């Protein structure tokens, strides 16, 4: 950590300990955090304009960190805010192994779904076949000339139906 920042934090902790004794709870800690933060912003702007010293800015930063420390360890009794240290729970770590396994299963499901939606080429028909197809066979209507070829596709998941597509086999009960 940067040496200057370490000094600022060290000074802030000393200041917070001193202030907790001199100005005990109930104390408007939350409002003081906002006030001190505003002072930091003001002094930073004034420093950039040459109207304030970096030593004053450093002092306001120390005061802000001190009040943030008090907010963490004391809370703010004026608004009923309990100290964070009493209720603090570190973030739960994810079970990456379980999450990875769940994602692998989802990938398998999606791959299976994609495979079921693939089309397979089952042959061609021409206009003459369309023309002579019977209405009870379903899908062909005599609206093309006999010299064109129409590719036929079906879902890969229905590939097993190729053997049962003739009307005769369906009438026999799929024997």
C-alpha atoms as a PDB file:
ATOM      1  CA  UNK A   1       0.000   0.000   0.000  1.00  0.00           C
ATOM      2  CA  UNK A   2       1.176   3.541  -0.659  1.00  0.00           C
ATOM      3  CA  UNK A   3       3.008   5.011   2.355  1.00  0.00           C
ATOM      4  CA  UNK A   4       1.044   8.300   2.264  1.00  0.00           C
ATOM      5  CA  UNK A   5      -2.268   6.440   2.186  1.00  0.00           C
ATOM      6  CA  UNK A   6      -1.158   4.234   5.100  1.00  0.00           C
ATOM      7  CA  UNK A   7      -0.350   7.384   7.089  1.00  0.00           C
ATOM      8  CA  UNK A   8      -3.728   8.926   6.232  1.00  0.00           C
ATOM      9  CA  UNK A   9      -5.606   5.784   7.315  1.00  0.00           C
ATOM     10  CA  UNK A  10      -3.525   5.523  10.510  1.00  0.00           C
ATOM     11  CA  UNK A  11      -4.263   9.170  11.352  1.00  0.00           C
ATOM     12  CA  UNK A  12      -7.954   8.611  10.569  1.00  0.00           C
ATOM     13  CA  UNK A  13      -8.169   5.637  12.959  1.00  0.00           C
ATOM     14  CA  UNK A  14      -6.542   7.678  15.751  1.00  0.00           C
ATOM     15  CA  UNK A  15      -8.929  10.558  15.055  1.00  0.00           C
ATOM     16  CA  UNK A  16     -11.939   8.214  15.068  1.00  0.00           C
ATOM     17  CA  UNK A  17     -10.925   6.667  18.417  1.00  0.00           C
ATOM     18  CA  UNK A  18     -10.454  10.136  19.929  1.00  0.00           C
ATOM     19  CA  UNK A  19     -13.814  11.360  18.546  1.00  0.00           C
ATOM     20  CA  UNK A  20     -15.691   8.275  19.808  1.00  0.00           C
ATOM     21  CA  UNK A  21     -14.638   9.210  23.358  1.00  0.00           C
ATOM     22  CA  UNK A  22     -15.190  12.965  22.997  1.00  0.00           C
ATOM     23  CA  UNK A  23     -18.473  12.707  20.986  1.00  0.00           C
ATOM     24  CA  UNK A  24     -20.067   9.352  21.911  1.00  0.00           C
ATOM     25  CA  UNK A  25     -23.254   7.959  20.451  1.00  0.00           C
ATOM     26  CA  UNK A  26     -25.919   9.027  19.824  1.00  0.00           C
ATOM     27  CA  UNK A  27     -24.092  11.012  17.182  1.00  0.00           C
ATOM     28  CA  UNK A  28     -25.220  11.941  13.676  1.00  0.00           C
ATOM     29  CA  UNK A  29     -22.494   9.864  12.037  1.00  0.00           C
ATOM     30  CA  UNK A  30     -24.241   9.476   8.680  1.00  0.00           C
ATOM     31  CA  UNK A  31     -24.674  13.225   8.298  1.00  0.00           C
ATOM     32  CA  UNK A  32     -21.053  13.760   9.351  1.00  0.00           C
ATOM     33  CA  UNK A  33     -19.904  11.351   6.604  1.00  0.00           C
ATOM     34  CA  UNK A  34     -21.800  13.451   4.051  1.00  0.00           C
ATOM     35  CA  UNK A  35     -20.462  16.703   5.498  1.00  0.00           C
ATOM     36  CA  UNK A  36     -16.836  15.540   5.529  1.00  0.00           C
ATOM     37  CA  UNK A  37     -17.150  14.095   2.011  1.00  0.00           C
ATOM     38  CA  UNK A  38     -18.431  17.456   0.796  1.00  0.00           C
ATOM     39  CA  UNK A  39     -15.445  19.151   2.452  1.00  0.00           C
ATOM     40  CA  UNK A  40     -13.108  16.802   0.543  1.00  0.00           C
ATOM     41  CA  UNK A  41     -14.793  17.701  -2.755  1.00  0.00           C
ATOM     42  CA  UNK A  42     -14.643  21.438  -1.998  1.00  0.00           C
ATOM     43  CA  UNK A  43     -10.985  21.323  -0.945  1.00  0.00           C
ATOM     44  CA  UNK A  44     -10.032  19.203  -3.961  1.00  0.00           C
ATOM     45  CA  UNK A  45     -11.577  21.774  -6.297  1.00  0.00           C
ATOM     46  CA  UNK A  46      -9.940  24.628  -4.408  1.00  0.00           C
ATOM     47  CA  UNK A  47      -6.560  22.832  -4.542  1.00  0.00           C
ATOM     48  CA  UNK A  48      -6.880  22.448  -8.289  1.00  0.00           C
ATOM     49  CA  UNK A  49      -7.571  26.186  -8.535  1.00  0.00           C
ATOM     50  CA  UNK A  50      -4.656  27.052  -6.228  1.00  0.00           C
ATOM     51  CA  UNK A  51      -6.961  28.419  -3.482  1.00  0.00           C
ATOM     52  CA  UNK A  52      -6.338  25.654  -0.908  1.00  0.00           C
ATOM     53  CA  UNK A  53      -3.366  23.681   0.377  1.00  0.00           C
ATOM     54  CA  UNK A  54      -2.882  19.954  -0.021  1.00  0.00           C
ATOM     55  CA  UNK A  55      -2.418  19.796   3.767  1.00  0.00           C
ATOM     56  CA  UNK A  56      -6.009  21.007   4.265  1.00  0.00           C
ATOM     57  CA  UNK A  57      -7.229  18.483   1.680  1.00  0.00           C
ATOM     58  CA  UNK A  58      -5.351  15.732   3.487  1.00  0.00           C
ATOM     59  CA  UNK A  59      -6.988  16.791   6.779  1.00  0.00           C
ATOM     60  CA  UNK A  60     -10.475  16.553   5.263  1.00  0.00           C
ATOM     61  CA  UNK A  61      -9.658  13.123   3.831  1.00  0.00           C
ATOM     62  CA  UNK A  62      -8.556  12.003   7.322  1.00  0.00           C
ATOM     63  CA  UNK A  63     -11.827  13.320   8.815  1.00  0.00           C
ATOM     64  CA  UNK A  64     -13.907  11.553   6.130  1.00  0.00           C
ATOM     65  CA  UNK A  65     -12.171   8.219   6.679  1.00  0.00           C
ATOM     66  CA  UNK A  66     -12.552   8.675  10.456  1.00  0.00           C
ATOM     67  CA  UNK A  67     -16.311   9.178  10.094  1.00  0.00           C
ATOM     68  CA  UNK A  68     -16.592   6.204   7.730  1.00  0.00           C
ATOM     69  CA  UNK A  69     -14.771   4.110  10.328  1.00  0.00           C
ATOM     70  CA  UNK A  70     -17.221   5.274  13.015  1.00  0.00           C
ATOM     71  CA  UNK A  71     -20.142   4.404  10.756  1.00  0.00           C
ATOM     72  CA  UNK A  72     -18.769   0.878  10.347  1.00  0.00           C
ATOM     73  CA  UNK A  73     -17.964   0.213  14.013  1.00  0.00           C
ATOM     74  CA  UNK A  74     -20.668   2.304  15.767  1.00  0.00           C
ATOM     75  CA  UNK A  75     -23.451   2.710  13.255  1.00  0.00           C
ATOM     76  CA  UNK A  76     -25.675   5.765  13.742  1.00  0.00           C
ATOM     77  CA  UNK A  77     -27.964   5.601  16.764  1.00  0.00           C
ATOM     78  CA  UNK A  78     -29.768   8.785  15.702  1.00  0.00           C
ATOM     79  CA  UNK A  79     -31.342   6.900  12.800  1.00  0.00           C
ATOM     80  CA  UNK A  80     -31.340   3.393  14.300  1.00  0.00           C
ATOM     81  CA  UNK A  81     -28.476   2.090  12.153  1.00  0.00           C
ATOM     82  CA  UNK A  82     -26.641  -0.742  13.917  1.00  0.00           C
ATOM     83  CA  UNK A  83     -22.888  -1.090  13.473  1.00  0.00           C
ATOM     84  CA  UNK A  84     -21.958  -2.891  10.296  1.00  0.00           C
ATOM     85  CA  UNK A  85     -19.435  -5.047  12.119  1.00  0.00           C
ATOM     86  CA  UNK A  86     -22.267  -6.773  14.033  1.00  0.00           C
ATOM     87  CA  UNK A  87     -24.217  -7.754  10.935  1.00  0.00           C
ATOM     88  CA  UNK A  88     -21.434  -7.997   8.399  1.00  0.00           C
ATOM     89  CA  UNK A  89     -21.474 -11.198   6.397  1.00  0.00           C
ATOM     90  CA  UNK A  90     -18.735 -11.741   3.857  1.00  0.00           C
ATOM     91  CA  UNK A  91     -20.089 -12.384   0.375  1.00  0.00           C
ATOM     92  CA  UNK A  92     -20.854 -16.028  -0.218  1.00  0.00           C
ATOM     93  CA  UNK A  93     -18.513 -17.683  -2.624  1.00  0.00           C
ATOM     94  CA  UNK A  94     -20.107 -19.421  -5.528  1.00  0.00           C
ATOM     95  CA  UNK A  95     -19.896 -23.156  -5.801  1.00  0.00           C
ATOM     96  CA  UNK A  96     -18.191 -23.005  -9.167  1.00  0.00           C
ATOM     97  CA  UNK A  97     -17.941 -26.772  -9.451  1.00  0.00           C
ATOM     98  CA  UNK A  98     -21.710 -27.228  -9.093  1.00  0.00           C
ATOM     99  CA  UNK A  99     -22.389 -24.280 -11.384  1.00  0.00           C
ATOM    100  CA  UNK A 100     -20.032 -25.770 -13.975  1.00  0.00           C
ATOM    101  CA  UNK A 101     -21.802 -29.153 -13.796  1.00  0.00           C
ATOM    102  CA  UNK A 102     -25.194 -27.494 -14.206  1.00  0.00           C
ATOM    103  CA  UNK A 103     -23.916 -25.586 -17.234  1.00  0.00           C
ATOM    104  CA  UNK A 104     -22.531 -28.796 -18.774  1.00  0.00           C
ATOM    105  CA  UNK A 105     -25.954 -30.424 -18.380  1.00  0.00           C
ATOM    106  CA  UNK A 106     -27.601 -27.407 -19.994  1.00  0.00           C
ATOM    107  CA  UNK A 107     -25.166 -27.624 -22.933  1.00  0.00           C
ATOM    108  CA  UNK A 108     -26.076 -31.309 -23.387  1.00  0.00           C
ATOM    109  CA  UNK A 109     -29.783 -30.420 -23.412  1.00  0.00           C
ATOM    110  CA  UNK A 110     -29.240 -27.668 -25.962  1.00  0.00           C
ATOM    111  CA  UNK A 111     -27.109 -29.924 -28.183  1.00  0.00           C
ATOM    112  CA  UNK A 112     -29.835 -32.588 -28.077  1.00  0.00           C
ATOM    113  CA  UNK A 113     -32.451 -29.977 -28.925  1.00  0.00           C
ATOM    114  CA  UNK A 114     -30.389 -28.722 -31.871  1.00  0.00           C
ATOM    115  CA  UNK A 115     -29.861 -32.258 -33.128  1.00  0.00           C
ATOM    116  CA  UNK A 116     -33.620 -32.912 -32.982  1.00  0.00           C
ATOM    117  CA  UNK A 117     -34.258 -29.810 -35.050  1.00  0.00           C
ATOM    118  CA  UNK A 118     -31.766 -30.692 -37.783  1.00  0.00           C
ATOM    119  CA  UNK A 119     -33.196 -31.407 -41.185  1.00  0.00           C
ATOM    120  CA  UNK A 120     -32.170 -34.435 -43.164  1.00  0.00           C
ATOM    121  CA  UNK A 121     -32.567 -34.850 -46.902  1.00  0.00           C
ATOM    122  CA  UNK A 122     -34.781 -37.816 -47.678  1.00  0.00           C
ATOM    123  CA  UNK A 123     -34.969 -37.524 -51.457  1.00  0.00           C
ATOM    124  CA  UNK A 124     -36.530 -35.622 -54.318  1.00  0.00           C
ATOM    125  CA  UNK A 125     -39.911 -35.507 -55.929  1.00  0.00           C
ATOM    126  CA  UNK A 126     -40.851 -34.059 -59.280  1.00  0.00           C
ATOM    127  CA  UNK A 127     -43.939 -32.438 -60.637  1.00  0.00           C
ATOM    128  CA  UNK A 128     -45.317 -35.728 -61.975  1.00  0.00           C
ATOM    129  CA  UNK A 129     -45.167 -37.250 -58.500  1.00  0.00           C
ATOM    130  CA  UNK A 130     -46.877 -34.183 -57.123  1.00  0.00           C
ATOM    131  CA  UNK A 131     -49.525 -34.376 -59.812  1.00  0.00           C
ATOM    132  CA  UNK A 132     -50.343 -38.011 -59.089  1.00  0.00           C
ATOM    133  CA  UNK A 133     -50.158 -37.862 -55.327  1.00  0.00           C
ATOM    134  CA  UNK A 134     -53.412 -38.720 -53.666  1.00  0.00           C
ATOM    135  CA  UNK A 135     -55.041 -36.220 -51.368  1.00  0.00           C
ATOM    136  CA  UNK A 136     -55.095 -38.798 -48.560  1.00  0.00           C
ATOM    137  CA  UNK A 137     -51.313 -39.023 -48.693  1.00  0.00           C
ATOM    138  CA  UNK A 138     -51.149 -35.488 -47.625  1.00  0.00           C
ATOM    139  CA  UNK A 139     -48.497 -33.026 -48.555  1.00  0.00           C
ATOM    140  CA  UNK A 140     -48.429 -32.751 -52.352  1.00  0.00           C
ATOM    141  CA  UNK A 141     -50.689 -30.687 -54.552  1.00  0.00           C
ATOM    142  CA  UNK A 142     -50.582 -30.677 -58.377  1.00  0.00           C
ATOM    143  CA  UNK A 143     -49.350 -27.139 -58.881  1.00  0.00           C
ATOM    144  CA  UNK A 144     -45.976 -27.657 -60.599  1.00  0.00           C
ATOM    145  CA  UNK A 145     -44.955 -28.981 -63.976  1.00  0.00           C
ATOM    146  CA  UNK A 146     -43.398 -32.440 -64.248  1.00  0.00           C
ATOM    147  CA  UNK A 147     -39.870 -31.250 -65.035  1.00  0.00           C
ATOM    148  CA  UNK A 148     -38.781 -29.800 -61.711  1.00  0.00           C
ATOM    149  CA  UNK A 149     -37.333 -31.554 -58.707  1.00  0.00           C
ATOM    150  CA  UNK A 150     -38.395 -30.664 -55.198  1.00  0.00           C
ATOM    151  CA  UNK A 151     -36.063 -31.682 -52.393  1.00  0.00           C
ATOM    152  CA  UNK A 152     -37.749 -33.371 -49.473  1.00  0.00           C
ATOM    153  CA  UNK A 153     -36.571 -32.826 -45.917  1.00  0.00           C
ATOM    154  CA  UNK A 154     -37.743 -33.953 -42.536  1.00  0.00           C
ATOM    155  CA  UNK A 155     -36.657 -33.336 -38.984  1.00  0.00           C
ATOM    156  CA  UNK A 156     -33.820 -35.601 -37.955  1.00  0.00           C
ATOM    157  CA  UNK A 157     -35.827 -36.523 -34.864  1.00  0.00           C
ATOM    158  CA  UNK A 158     -38.447 -38.045 -37.209  1.00  0.00           C
ATOM    159  CA  UNK A 159     -35.900 -40.043 -39.188  1.00  0.00           C
ATOM    160  CA  UNK A 160     -37.351 -43.300 -37.852  1.00  0.00           C
ATOM    161  CA  UNK A 161     -40.627 -42.476 -39.627  1.00  0.00           C
ATOM    162  CA  UNK A 162     -39.125 -43.048 -43.066  1.00  0.00           C
ATOM    163  CA  UNK A 163     -40.040 -46.726 -42.885  1.00  0.00           C
ATOM    164  CA  UNK A 164     -43.669 -45.945 -42.005  1.00  0.00           C
ATOM    165  CA  UNK A 165     -44.353 -43.221 -44.533  1.00  0.00           C
ATOM    166  CA  UNK A 166     -46.127 -45.377 -47.112  1.00  0.00           C
ATOM    167  CA  UNK A 167     -49.890 -45.322 -46.744  1.00  0.00           C
ATOM    168  CA  UNK A 168     -49.998 -49.084 -47.186  1.00  0.00           C
ATOM    169  CA  UNK A 169     -47.827 -49.695 -44.146  1.00  0.00           C
ATOM    170  CA  UNK A 170     -49.888 -47.249 -42.112  1.00  0.00           C
ATOM    171  CA  UNK A 171     -53.087 -49.033 -43.169  1.00  0.00           C
ATOM    172  CA  UNK A 172     -51.588 -52.410 -42.156  1.00  0.00           C
ATOM    173  CA  UNK A 173     -50.874 -50.983 -38.710  1.00  0.00           C
ATOM    174  CA  UNK A 174     -47.166 -50.379 -39.119  1.00  0.00           C
ATOM    175  CA  UNK A 175     -46.166 -54.024 -39.522  1.00  0.00           C
END
